[in-house]
Amino acid sequence: MDKREMTNEENYHFDVTGYLIIPGVLTPDQLKACNEALDQLGNTASPSCVSSCAGLHFLRDHPVLTQYVEAICGEDFLLDRSPHLLEVNTNGSEDARVPLSGGSEWQDWSRAYRHHSGTRFCQGLRAIWAIADVNEDDGGLVVVSASHNSSVDAPQDLVSGDDDMGLVVQPTLQAGDLLLCAESVMWGIRPWQGQGPQRLLECGYISAGVRPSAASEITGEDDTMPEWTAELTPVQRAVLHNPNRGYPPPVVHSDGKTVSLSAEPGILHPSIYKRDPDSGIDEKEFFHWDLCGHLVLRGVMDADWLAAANEAIDANPDQISTGGSAAGDSKPLAGTGVGRSSMGNPWQLPAPYGEPFQRMIAHPALIQRMNWIMGSGYECMMCNGFLSGKGSSGHALHANGYPPRVANHYRQQNGRVYSEYLNVAWQLRDVTLADGGFVCVPGSHKTHYPMPDGIRTCDNEMDMVRHIEMKAGDVLLFLASAQTHGAYPWTGEQNRRMIFFQYRSRNLYAP
């Protein structure tokens, strides 16, 4: 087959989320052959038994798979592990806690995902074949979308499975689908709740030049060290090249004067930086912001403040204007043709009506987050009320981390995040999934590929566009020029009521 180039949609999805589903790769006859091979092995077959099954070997070099692996990992990729069943708990437990691994800062650099000088380096890839359907809530494989691009240590509650933080996703698959997943994505296995046995077969691939996994079928050239090394100390032997050295490798300690060998292998990689307990930064908020590009602060406004803000809008109907559609050429976002209603500069309403909105400018809960999101010296640039009624249009998705510009710059470095524009949306009424309103593509602030038109118009959301539910009194913070965002048409019975602010960092200038 000719070399296959991935589409921009595929590159965008994989770059943002860290995984990609290729539907219907296996034919019915191929699925039948796989299921018959697994039936013969039995449900308790060991991974090595499955790997050695000749009837499943065609999966590891399937032409569709190998073309995608070449596009993602490079031409000289290697098969690290032959097809083996993902091991899942099938005891029927409904315990939602799922210990996770991967993601966070790349202490295992050999499996990193990164871009450099316009080239993608995906150094480890999981290829997962769905031999049977995996429906919603069936269990099995779960992932934390966008975690392959994370450079922040995951909160322990997320790693242990005690709090999924609304970030854990279970991909749904049809028999014959192929799921490609960067090995640096945070992932785990939920107890299997589906009908029949769980049948997800995984193959592992690595790019050229990185080490094989501990369970790899790639072996070195020689089983023994040269004879002359018998006279070396254990430390010297531990440091000397061994083509069949196990993983994790031996750990050698030094205080600058003496060296010693750890009793157990592992990874020692010291950092000069430590967390600052006095920073005032909540680790879950920091991780969520860096991973997704947005954050919701719950219950910032109390009942009296909410009542005053809503009363101010009710008392000044002459300040509300209705404009046209912001859906552009999108049919899904067009609504029923009702114009979008708004109130310009509600902070300028005559006393006492402007006061509820003036209180929002520098609220302590907001300032505390903005200091670590943008650093000091930011400026509040604008304030508007979004007040659209039922049927009003949504907003075509816009903003993106690609191409990189000064205004959409985002970076986390040395425990600090750098964000140049920040939008802040104060919710004066509840927003349910049925109401419409704000949507975003979590993780898109780090993408290296253009936003597909299907995302912009929501004609093809690629299962990436997320609607955020909120309560009256909540405050939404999101990256204004880096995270892809927009709005669904408003379908709520009550008019939308959201007060929108924009802040600019000290780094930008515009007269």
Protein backbone atom coordinates (compact mmCIF):
# COMPACT_ATOMS: atom_id res chain seq x y z
CA MET A 1 0.00 0.00 0.00
CA ASP A 2 1.08 3.58 -0.62
CA LYS A 3 2.20 5.57 2.38
CA ARG A 4 -0.85 7.06 4.09
CA GLU A 5 -0.92 10.61 5.38
CA MET A 6 -3.23 11.29 8.30
CA THR A 7 -5.90 13.92 7.71
CA ASN A 8 -5.81 17.19 9.63
CA GLU A 9 -8.91 16.01 11.54
CA GLU A 10 -7.07 12.85 12.63
CA ASN A 11 -3.91 14.75 13.55
CA TYR A 12 -5.92 17.34 15.47
CA HIS A 13 -7.86 14.71 17.42
CA PHE A 14 -4.78 12.68 18.31
CA ASP A 15 -2.73 15.77 19.18
CA VAL A 16 -5.44 17.22 21.45
CA THR A 17 -6.75 14.07 23.16
CA GLY A 18 -3.88 11.58 22.81
CA TYR A 19 -6.08 8.90 21.22
CA LEU A 20 -7.92 8.22 17.97
CA ILE A 21 -10.61 5.70 16.98
CA ILE A 22 -10.44 4.24 13.46
CA PRO A 23 -13.89 2.72 12.87
CA GLY A 24 -14.62 -0.59 11.15
CA VAL A 25 -11.07 -1.67 10.30
CA LEU A 26 -11.68 -5.41 10.71
CA THR A 27 -14.03 -7.20 8.32
CA PRO A 28 -16.74 -9.58 9.59
CA ASP A 29 -14.62 -12.56 8.49
CA GLN A 30 -11.58 -11.21 10.36
CA LEU A 31 -13.68 -10.62 13.49
CA LYS A 32 -15.04 -14.16 13.24
CA ALA A 33 -11.52 -15.56 12.99
CA CYS A 34 -10.37 -13.57 16.04
CA ASN A 35 -13.32 -14.63 18.16
CA GLU A 36 -12.88 -18.27 17.19
CA ALA A 37 -9.20 -18.09 18.15
CA LEU A 38 -10.05 -16.55 21.51
CA ASP A 39 -12.81 -19.11 22.10
CA GLN A 40 -10.32 -21.89 21.61
CA LEU A 41 -7.91 -20.30 24.09
CA GLY A 42 -10.63 -19.80 26.69
CA ASN A 43 -11.37 -16.74 28.81
CA THR A 44 -8.58 -17.49 31.28
CA ALA A 45 -5.79 -17.60 28.69
CA SER A 46 -2.59 -15.91 29.82
CA PRO A 47 -1.21 -12.87 27.89
CA SER A 48 1.71 -14.99 26.61
CA CYS A 49 -0.70 -17.65 25.38
CA VAL A 50 -2.69 -15.05 23.44
CA SER A 51 0.50 -13.46 22.06
CA SER A 52 1.63 -16.80 20.65
CA CYS A 53 -1.72 -17.57 19.00
CA ALA A 54 -1.07 -17.78 15.25
CA GLY A 55 -4.68 -16.88 14.45
CA LEU A 56 -4.18 -13.41 15.91
CA HIS A 57 -0.79 -12.58 14.42
CA PHE A 58 -2.28 -10.75 11.43
CA LEU A 59 -3.45 -8.01 13.83
CA ARG A 60 0.07 -6.87 14.64
CA ASP A 61 0.93 -6.02 11.02
CA HIS A 62 -2.52 -5.20 9.67
CA PRO A 63 -1.93 -2.76 6.77
CA VAL A 64 -4.27 -0.09 8.14
CA LEU A 65 -2.64 -0.26 11.56
CA THR A 66 0.93 -0.16 10.26
CA GLN A 67 0.23 2.89 8.12
CA TYR A 68 -1.13 4.78 11.12
CA VAL A 69 1.76 3.64 13.33
CA GLU A 70 4.23 4.85 10.71
CA ALA A 71 2.49 8.22 10.51
CA ILE A 72 2.48 8.62 14.30
CA CYS A 73 5.73 6.92 15.42
CA GLY A 74 7.89 7.27 12.31
CA GLU A 75 9.09 4.99 9.56
CA ASP A 76 11.42 2.82 11.65
CA PHE A 77 8.88 1.90 14.34
CA LEU A 78 9.18 -1.46 16.09
CA LEU A 79 6.63 -3.98 17.37
CA ASP A 80 7.17 -4.04 21.13
CA ARG A 81 4.41 -6.50 22.12
CA SER A 82 2.24 -8.86 20.07
CA PRO A 83 -1.56 -8.93 20.54
CA HIS A 84 -2.57 -9.68 24.11
CA LEU A 85 -5.84 -9.30 25.98
CA LEU A 86 -6.19 -6.29 28.25
CA GLU A 87 -6.55 -7.70 31.73
CA VAL A 88 -9.76 -6.54 33.41
CA ASN A 89 -11.61 -7.33 36.61
CA THR A 90 -14.71 -9.32 35.66
CA ASN A 91 -16.11 -9.91 39.15
CA GLY A 92 -19.06 -7.63 38.49
CA SER A 93 -17.90 -4.92 40.90
CA GLU A 94 -19.44 -1.52 40.32
CA ASP A 95 -16.69 0.28 42.23
CA ALA A 96 -15.95 3.40 40.16
CA ARG A 97 -12.47 3.86 41.63
CA VAL A 98 -9.86 3.12 39.00
CA PRO A 99 -6.14 3.45 39.74
CA LEU A 100 -4.48 5.22 36.82
CA SER A 101 -0.97 5.25 35.42
CA GLY A 102 0.86 7.36 32.86
CA GLY A 103 0.30 11.03 32.12
CA SER A 104 1.82 13.82 34.23
CA GLU A 105 5.41 14.89 33.81
CA TRP A 106 7.39 12.50 31.59
CA GLN A 107 9.71 10.82 34.03
CA ASP A 108 9.73 7.97 31.50
CA TRP A 109 10.99 10.07 28.59
CA SER A 110 11.27 6.99 26.36
CA ARG A 111 7.47 7.04 26.03
CA ALA A 112 7.04 10.82 25.71
CA TYR A 113 4.79 12.65 23.27
CA ARG A 114 6.19 15.93 22.03
CA HIS A 115 6.63 18.23 19.05
CA HIS A 116 9.95 19.72 18.02
CA SER A 117 10.68 21.90 15.00
CA GLY A 118 7.40 20.89 13.38
CA THR A 119 7.95 17.14 13.89
CA ARG A 120 5.83 14.92 16.11
CA PHE A 121 7.58 12.42 18.38
CA CYS A 122 5.21 9.77 19.72
CA GLN A 123 7.68 7.36 21.22
CA GLY A 124 5.18 4.73 22.40
CA LEU A 125 1.80 3.75 20.96
CA ARG A 126 -0.92 1.36 22.13
CA ALA A 127 -3.01 -0.17 19.35
CA ILE A 128 -6.20 -1.67 20.79
CA TRP A 129 -8.46 -3.86 18.66
CA ALA A 130 -12.12 -4.13 19.65
CA ILE A 131 -13.05 -7.77 18.94
CA ALA A 132 -16.43 -7.22 20.64
CA ASP A 133 -18.50 -4.10 21.30
CA VAL A 134 -17.65 -1.82 24.22
CA ASN A 135 -20.74 0.22 25.03
CA GLU A 136 -21.11 3.19 27.33
CA ASP A 137 -20.64 2.17 30.98
CA ASP A 138 -19.42 -1.32 30.00
CA GLY A 139 -16.12 -0.67 31.75
CA GLY A 140 -12.73 -1.76 30.47
CA LEU A 141 -10.24 0.81 29.21
CA VAL A 142 -10.51 4.39 30.48
CA VAL A 143 -8.27 7.37 29.69
CA VAL A 144 -7.70 10.96 30.81
CA SER A 145 -8.00 12.92 27.59
CA ALA A 146 -5.12 15.32 26.79
CA SER A 147 -2.92 13.91 29.58
CA HIS A 148 -0.19 12.99 27.06
CA ASN A 149 0.50 16.74 26.82
CA SER A 150 0.49 17.30 30.57
CA SER A 151 3.64 18.48 32.31
CA VAL A 152 2.03 18.71 35.75
CA ASP A 153 2.03 15.92 38.33
CA ALA A 154 -1.45 14.42 38.56
CA PRO A 155 -3.21 14.82 41.95
CA GLN A 156 -2.95 11.65 44.02
CA ASP A 157 -6.73 11.42 44.33
CA LEU A 158 -6.94 11.13 40.53
CA VAL A 159 -4.12 8.57 40.33
CA SER A 160 -5.65 6.41 43.07
CA GLY A 161 -9.14 6.58 41.55
CA ASP A 162 -10.69 8.30 44.56
CA ASP A 163 -11.71 11.35 42.48
CA ASP A 164 -12.03 11.20 38.69
CA MET A 165 -12.33 15.05 38.65
CA GLY A 166 -14.72 14.72 35.70
CA LEU A 167 -11.70 13.90 33.51
CA VAL A 168 -11.84 10.10 33.09
CA VAL A 169 -13.32 8.96 29.75
CA GLN A 170 -14.32 5.45 28.66
CA PRO A 171 -14.07 5.19 24.85
CA THR A 172 -17.04 3.39 23.27
CA LEU A 173 -16.09 0.98 20.50
CA GLN A 174 -17.80 -1.21 17.95
CA ALA A 175 -16.43 -4.64 17.08
CA GLY A 176 -13.78 -4.11 14.40
CA ASP A 177 -12.74 -0.64 15.56
CA LEU A 178 -9.10 0.22 16.16
CA LEU A 179 -8.16 2.55 19.04
CA LEU A 180 -4.75 4.21 18.86
CA CYS A 181 -3.53 5.64 22.16
CA ALA A 182 -0.27 7.44 22.95
CA GLU A 183 1.50 5.44 25.63
CA SER A 184 2.04 8.59 27.71
CA VAL A 185 -1.75 9.06 28.10
CA MET A 186 -3.00 8.46 31.66
CA TRP A 187 -5.09 5.30 31.59
CA GLY A 188 -6.62 2.53 33.68
CA ILE A 189 -8.98 -0.45 33.56
CA ARG A 190 -12.49 -0.39 35.03
CA PRO A 191 -14.27 -3.59 36.13
CA TRP A 192 -16.01 -5.17 33.15
CA GLN A 193 -19.80 -4.77 33.22
CA GLY A 194 -20.61 -5.66 29.61
CA GLN A 195 -22.41 -8.67 28.22
CA GLY A 196 -20.07 -11.53 27.39
CA PRO A 197 -16.30 -11.51 27.84
CA GLN A 198 -14.21 -8.35 27.45
CA ARG A 199 -12.30 -8.65 24.20
CA LEU A 200 -9.85 -5.80 23.75
CA LEU A 201 -6.59 -6.95 22.19
CA GLU A 202 -3.60 -4.64 22.59
CA CYS A 203 -0.42 -4.42 20.51
CA GLY A 204 2.48 -2.19 21.55
CA TYR A 205 4.75 -0.17 19.25
CA ILE A 206 7.76 2.06 19.87
CA SER A 207 9.63 4.53 17.72
CA ALA A 208 13.17 3.85 16.62
CA GLY A 209 15.90 4.40 19.19
CA VAL A 210 13.90 4.09 22.42
CA ARG A 211 14.12 1.20 24.85
CA PRO A 212 11.69 -1.75 24.70
CA SER A 213 9.20 -2.34 27.50
CA ALA A 214 9.76 -4.85 30.28
CA ALA A 215 7.39 -7.28 28.53
CA SER A 216 8.85 -6.64 25.08
CA GLU A 217 9.56 -9.30 22.50
CA ILE A 218 12.60 -7.30 21.39
CA THR A 219 15.79 -8.88 22.74
CA GLY A 220 19.41 -7.87 22.80
CA GLU A 221 22.23 -9.42 20.84
CA ASP A 222 23.94 -11.22 23.71
CA ASP A 223 22.83 -12.78 26.98
CA THR A 224 26.06 -12.28 28.90
CA MET A 225 28.50 -9.54 29.74
CA PRO A 226 32.11 -9.88 28.47
CA GLU A 227 34.42 -11.99 30.65
CA TRP A 228 36.63 -9.05 31.61
CA THR A 229 33.69 -7.37 33.43
CA ALA A 230 33.73 -10.11 36.10
CA GLU A 231 36.45 -8.16 37.92
CA LEU A 232 34.35 -4.96 38.09
CA THR A 233 32.46 -3.81 41.16
CA PRO A 234 28.66 -4.17 41.24
CA VAL A 235 28.35 -0.41 40.72
CA GLN A 236 30.61 -0.47 37.69
CA ARG A 237 28.73 -3.41 36.22
CA ALA A 238 25.45 -1.61 36.83
CA VAL A 239 26.64 1.40 34.85
CA LEU A 240 28.28 -0.53 32.02
CA HIS A 241 26.22 -1.17 28.88
CA ASN A 242 24.32 -4.46 28.94
CA PRO A 243 22.23 -5.20 25.82
CA ASN A 244 19.79 -7.31 27.85
CA ARG A 245 19.52 -5.12 30.92
CA GLY A 246 16.11 -5.38 32.51
CA TYR A 247 13.73 -2.51 33.14
CA PRO A 248 13.53 -0.63 35.41
CA PRO A 249 17.32 -0.40 35.52
CA PRO A 250 19.59 -0.51 38.59
CA VAL A 251 19.89 2.70 40.59
CA VAL A 252 23.29 4.04 41.60
CA HIS A 253 23.48 6.67 44.37
CA SER A 254 26.26 9.14 45.00
CA ASP A 255 26.94 11.92 47.52
CA GLY A 256 29.81 13.19 45.42
CA LYS A 257 32.37 11.17 47.38
CA THR A 258 31.03 7.61 47.46
CA VAL A 259 28.73 5.50 45.30
CA SER A 260 26.30 2.74 46.26
CA LEU A 261 23.87 0.44 44.51
CA SER A 262 20.20 0.32 45.51
CA ALA A 263 18.85 -3.04 46.55
CA GLU A 264 15.93 -2.62 44.16
CA PRO A 265 15.84 -1.33 40.57
CA GLY A 266 13.82 1.76 39.75
CA ILE A 267 14.22 5.33 38.52
CA LEU A 268 16.12 8.07 40.35
CA HIS A 269 15.83 11.46 38.67
CA PRO A 270 16.28 14.30 41.19
CA SER A 271 14.61 17.67 40.73
CA ILE A 272 15.88 20.92 42.15
CA TYR A 273 12.30 22.16 42.53
CA LYS A 274 9.80 21.35 45.25
CA ARG A 275 6.14 22.24 45.68
CA ASP A 276 5.56 25.42 47.61
CA PRO A 277 3.00 24.76 50.39
CA ASP A 278 2.57 28.53 50.79
CA SER A 279 1.73 29.20 47.12
CA GLY A 280 -2.02 29.22 47.77
CA ILE A 281 -2.56 27.06 44.67
CA ASP A 282 -4.93 24.10 44.83
CA GLU A 283 -3.21 21.18 43.06
CA LYS A 284 -6.42 19.86 41.51
CA GLU A 285 -7.29 23.26 40.06
CA PHE A 286 -3.74 23.68 38.73
CA PHE A 287 -3.80 20.25 37.07
CA HIS A 288 -7.30 20.77 35.62
CA TRP A 289 -6.38 24.19 34.20
CA ASP A 290 -3.16 23.00 32.60
CA LEU A 291 -4.82 19.86 31.22
CA CYS A 292 -8.08 21.35 29.88
CA GLY A 293 -7.66 25.13 29.52
CA HIS A 294 -10.70 25.97 31.66
CA LEU A 295 -11.77 25.88 35.29
CA VAL A 296 -15.10 26.26 37.13
CA LEU A 297 -15.21 27.91 40.57
CA ARG A 298 -18.32 26.68 42.34
CA GLY A 299 -20.70 28.84 44.36
CA VAL A 300 -18.76 32.12 44.34
CA MET A 301 -21.91 34.28 44.36
CA ASP A 302 -24.35 34.00 47.27
CA ALA A 303 -28.13 34.25 46.99
CA ASP A 304 -28.30 37.99 47.80
CA TRP A 305 -25.65 38.87 45.24
CA LEU A 306 -27.38 36.77 42.59
CA ALA A 307 -30.71 38.42 43.36
CA ALA A 308 -29.18 41.90 43.09
CA ALA A 309 -27.51 41.11 39.75
CA ASN A 310 -30.69 39.66 38.25
CA GLU A 311 -32.75 42.57 39.58
CA ALA A 312 -30.35 45.02 37.94
CA ILE A 313 -30.93 43.38 34.56
CA ASP A 314 -34.71 43.27 35.04
CA ALA A 315 -34.74 46.98 35.99
CA ASN A 316 -32.86 48.13 32.88
CA PRO A 317 -34.53 46.50 29.85
CA ASP A 318 -33.69 49.56 27.74
CA GLN A 319 -29.99 48.63 28.00
CA ILE A 320 -30.56 45.25 26.34
CA SER A 321 -29.94 45.04 22.59
CA THR A 322 -30.49 42.22 20.12
CA GLY A 323 -28.00 41.52 17.38
CA GLY A 324 -27.51 39.00 14.66
CA SER A 325 -26.19 35.49 14.64
CA ALA A 326 -22.65 34.52 15.64
CA ALA A 327 -23.05 31.01 14.21
CA GLY A 328 -21.50 31.95 10.87
CA ASP A 329 -22.13 29.22 8.30
CA SER A 330 -22.93 26.58 10.94
CA LYS A 331 -26.37 24.98 10.75
CA PRO A 332 -26.09 23.13 14.13
CA LEU A 333 -25.32 26.42 15.87
CA ALA A 334 -27.85 28.61 14.01
CA GLY A 335 -30.75 28.16 16.43
CA THR A 336 -34.20 29.15 15.21
CA GLY A 337 -33.20 32.55 13.87
CA VAL A 338 -33.69 34.52 17.09
CA GLY A 339 -31.00 37.18 17.52
CA ARG A 340 -28.52 37.13 20.40
CA SER A 341 -29.43 39.56 23.21
CA SER A 342 -26.80 41.32 25.30
CA MET A 343 -26.21 44.20 27.68
CA GLY A 344 -23.10 46.28 27.12
CA ASN A 345 -21.08 47.43 30.11
CA PRO A 346 -23.49 46.44 32.92
CA TRP A 347 -20.85 47.71 35.38
CA GLN A 348 -21.81 51.25 34.22
CA LEU A 349 -25.49 50.97 35.14
CA PRO A 350 -26.68 53.76 37.46
CA ALA A 351 -26.50 53.11 41.19
CA PRO A 352 -27.34 50.77 42.74
CA TYR A 353 -27.58 48.56 39.64
CA GLY A 354 -23.94 48.65 38.58
CA GLU A 355 -22.63 47.52 41.96
CA PRO A 356 -23.30 43.74 41.59
CA PHE A 357 -21.15 43.74 38.45
CA GLN A 358 -18.44 46.00 39.79
CA ARG A 359 -17.97 43.49 42.62
CA MET A 360 -16.98 40.92 40.00
CA ILE A 361 -13.96 42.86 38.69
CA ALA A 362 -11.56 41.98 41.50
CA HIS A 363 -13.35 39.38 43.62
CA PRO A 364 -10.91 37.56 45.96
CA ALA A 365 -11.76 34.11 44.52
CA LEU A 366 -10.97 35.40 41.04
CA ILE A 367 -7.82 37.33 41.94
CA GLN A 368 -6.39 34.34 43.84
CA ARG A 369 -6.59 32.21 40.67
CA MET A 370 -5.56 34.94 38.22
CA ASN A 371 -2.33 35.51 40.12
CA TRP A 372 -1.15 31.99 39.26
CA ILE A 373 -2.88 31.79 35.88
CA MET A 374 -1.48 35.05 34.47
CA GLY A 375 0.89 36.47 37.04
CA SER A 376 0.37 39.98 38.43
CA GLY A 377 -0.21 43.11 36.36
CA TYR A 378 -3.27 41.93 34.38
CA GLU A 379 -5.97 44.35 33.20
CA CYS A 380 -9.73 43.96 32.90
CA MET A 381 -10.60 44.93 29.33
CA MET A 382 -14.38 44.53 28.98
CA CYS A 383 -17.68 43.51 30.57
CA ASN A 384 -20.85 42.35 28.79
CA GLY A 385 -24.04 40.54 29.72
CA PHE A 386 -25.12 37.57 27.58
CA LEU A 387 -28.91 37.44 27.87
CA SER A 388 -30.14 35.51 24.84
CA GLY A 389 -33.56 33.90 24.78
CA LYS A 390 -34.75 30.50 23.64
CA GLY A 391 -33.85 29.79 20.02
CA SER A 392 -31.03 32.33 19.80
CA SER A 393 -27.97 31.30 17.85
CA GLY A 394 -24.85 29.84 19.30
CA HIS A 395 -21.33 30.96 18.50
CA ALA A 396 -19.04 29.24 15.99
CA LEU A 397 -16.05 27.74 17.77
CA HIS A 398 -12.98 29.93 17.60
CA ALA A 399 -9.54 30.47 19.14
CA ASN A 400 -6.91 27.77 18.98
CA GLY A 401 -3.33 27.15 20.00
CA TYR A 402 -2.46 26.93 16.28
CA PRO A 403 -0.71 28.71 14.69
CA PRO A 404 1.22 29.94 17.74
CA ARG A 405 1.00 33.68 18.30
CA VAL A 406 1.89 36.03 21.12
CA ALA A 407 -1.78 36.42 22.04
CA ASN A 408 -2.61 32.70 22.21
CA HIS A 409 0.61 31.66 23.92
CA TYR A 410 0.21 29.11 26.71
CA ARG A 411 2.97 27.42 28.64
CA GLN A 412 3.66 25.71 31.96
CA GLN A 413 7.24 25.96 33.11
CA ASN A 414 8.92 25.51 36.47
CA GLY A 415 5.56 25.27 38.21
CA ARG A 416 4.16 28.48 36.68
CA VAL A 417 1.53 28.81 33.96
CA TYR A 418 1.61 31.60 31.42
CA SER A 419 -1.74 32.68 29.92
CA GLU A 420 -2.09 35.90 27.94
CA TYR A 421 -5.86 36.36 27.64
CA LEU A 422 -8.43 35.09 30.14
CA ASN A 423 -12.22 35.06 29.82
CA VAL A 424 -14.34 34.98 32.97
CA ALA A 425 -18.04 34.10 32.82
CA TRP A 426 -20.25 34.67 35.89
CA GLN A 427 -23.38 32.53 35.83
CA LEU A 428 -26.57 34.22 37.04
CA ARG A 429 -28.76 31.19 36.24
CA ASP A 430 -28.28 27.43 36.11
CA VAL A 431 -26.92 25.98 32.85
CA THR A 432 -27.85 22.35 32.21
CA LEU A 433 -26.78 20.14 29.32
CA ALA A 434 -30.21 20.72 27.79
CA ASP A 435 -29.92 24.53 27.82
CA GLY A 436 -27.02 25.14 25.43
CA GLY A 437 -24.42 27.82 26.01
CA PHE A 438 -20.66 27.53 26.49
CA VAL A 439 -18.76 24.65 24.88
CA CYS A 440 -15.05 24.00 24.46
CA VAL A 441 -12.47 21.50 23.28
CA PRO A 442 -10.47 20.58 26.41
CA GLY A 443 -6.74 20.35 25.73
CA SER A 444 -6.91 22.34 22.47
CA HIS A 445 -4.72 25.12 23.93
CA LYS A 446 -1.71 22.85 23.32
CA THR A 447 -2.45 21.63 19.81
CA HIS A 448 0.01 21.85 16.92
CA TYR A 449 -2.60 21.41 14.17
CA PRO A 450 -5.28 23.69 12.66
CA MET A 451 -8.84 23.45 13.97
CA PRO A 452 -10.94 21.37 11.53
CA ASP A 453 -13.99 23.07 10.01
CA GLY A 454 -16.19 20.34 11.48
CA ILE A 455 -15.16 21.45 14.98
CA ARG A 456 -15.65 25.13 14.14
CA THR A 457 -19.21 24.59 12.93
CA CYS A 458 -20.03 21.55 15.15
CA ASP A 459 -21.06 19.65 12.01
CA ASN A 460 -18.47 17.04 13.02
CA GLU A 461 -17.56 17.35 16.68
CA MET A 462 -15.36 14.21 16.57
CA ASP A 463 -16.52 13.54 20.16
CA MET A 464 -14.27 16.39 21.33
CA VAL A 465 -16.64 19.31 21.99
CA ARG A 466 -17.70 19.45 25.63
CA HIS A 467 -20.66 21.32 27.12
CA ILE A 468 -20.05 22.52 30.69
CA GLU A 469 -22.90 22.34 33.22
CA MET A 470 -22.95 25.11 35.83
CA LYS A 471 -25.09 26.44 38.67
CA ALA A 472 -26.13 30.01 39.34
CA GLY A 473 -23.27 31.61 41.25
CA ASP A 474 -20.53 29.57 39.55
CA VAL A 475 -17.69 31.29 37.71
CA LEU A 476 -16.09 29.86 34.56
CA LEU A 477 -12.49 30.76 33.68
CA PHE A 478 -11.18 29.81 30.23
CA LEU A 479 -8.32 30.67 27.91
CA ALA A 480 -9.68 33.35 25.59
CA SER A 481 -7.31 33.01 22.64
CA ALA A 482 -5.76 29.57 23.16
CA GLN A 483 -8.56 27.13 24.02
CA THR A 484 -11.06 26.38 21.25
CA HIS A 485 -14.49 27.50 22.51
CA GLY A 486 -17.89 28.73 21.42
CA ALA A 487 -21.55 28.19 22.31
CA TYR A 488 -24.47 25.94 21.43
CA PRO A 489 -27.80 27.64 20.57
CA TRP A 490 -29.72 28.60 23.69
CA THR A 491 -32.66 26.23 24.26
CA GLY A 492 -33.49 26.97 27.89
CA GLU A 493 -36.96 28.17 28.83
CA GLN A 494 -35.45 31.09 30.74
CA ASN A 495 -33.15 33.57 29.02
CA ARG A 496 -29.45 32.95 29.35
CA ARG A 497 -27.86 35.15 32.01
CA MET A 498 -24.07 35.26 32.03
CA ILE A 499 -21.78 38.21 32.71
CA PHE A 500 -18.66 38.08 30.59
CA PHE A 501 -15.30 39.68 31.45
CA GLN A 502 -12.00 39.60 29.62
CA TYR A 503 -8.56 40.13 31.17
CA ARG A 504 -5.24 40.72 29.43
CA SER A 505 -1.83 39.88 30.86
CA ARG A 506 0.87 42.44 31.58
CA ASN A 507 2.84 41.00 28.63
CA LEU A 508 0.57 42.35 25.88
CA TYR A 509 0.09 45.86 24.59
CA ALA A 510 -2.59 47.42 22.43
CA PRO A 511 -3.32 51.18 22.41
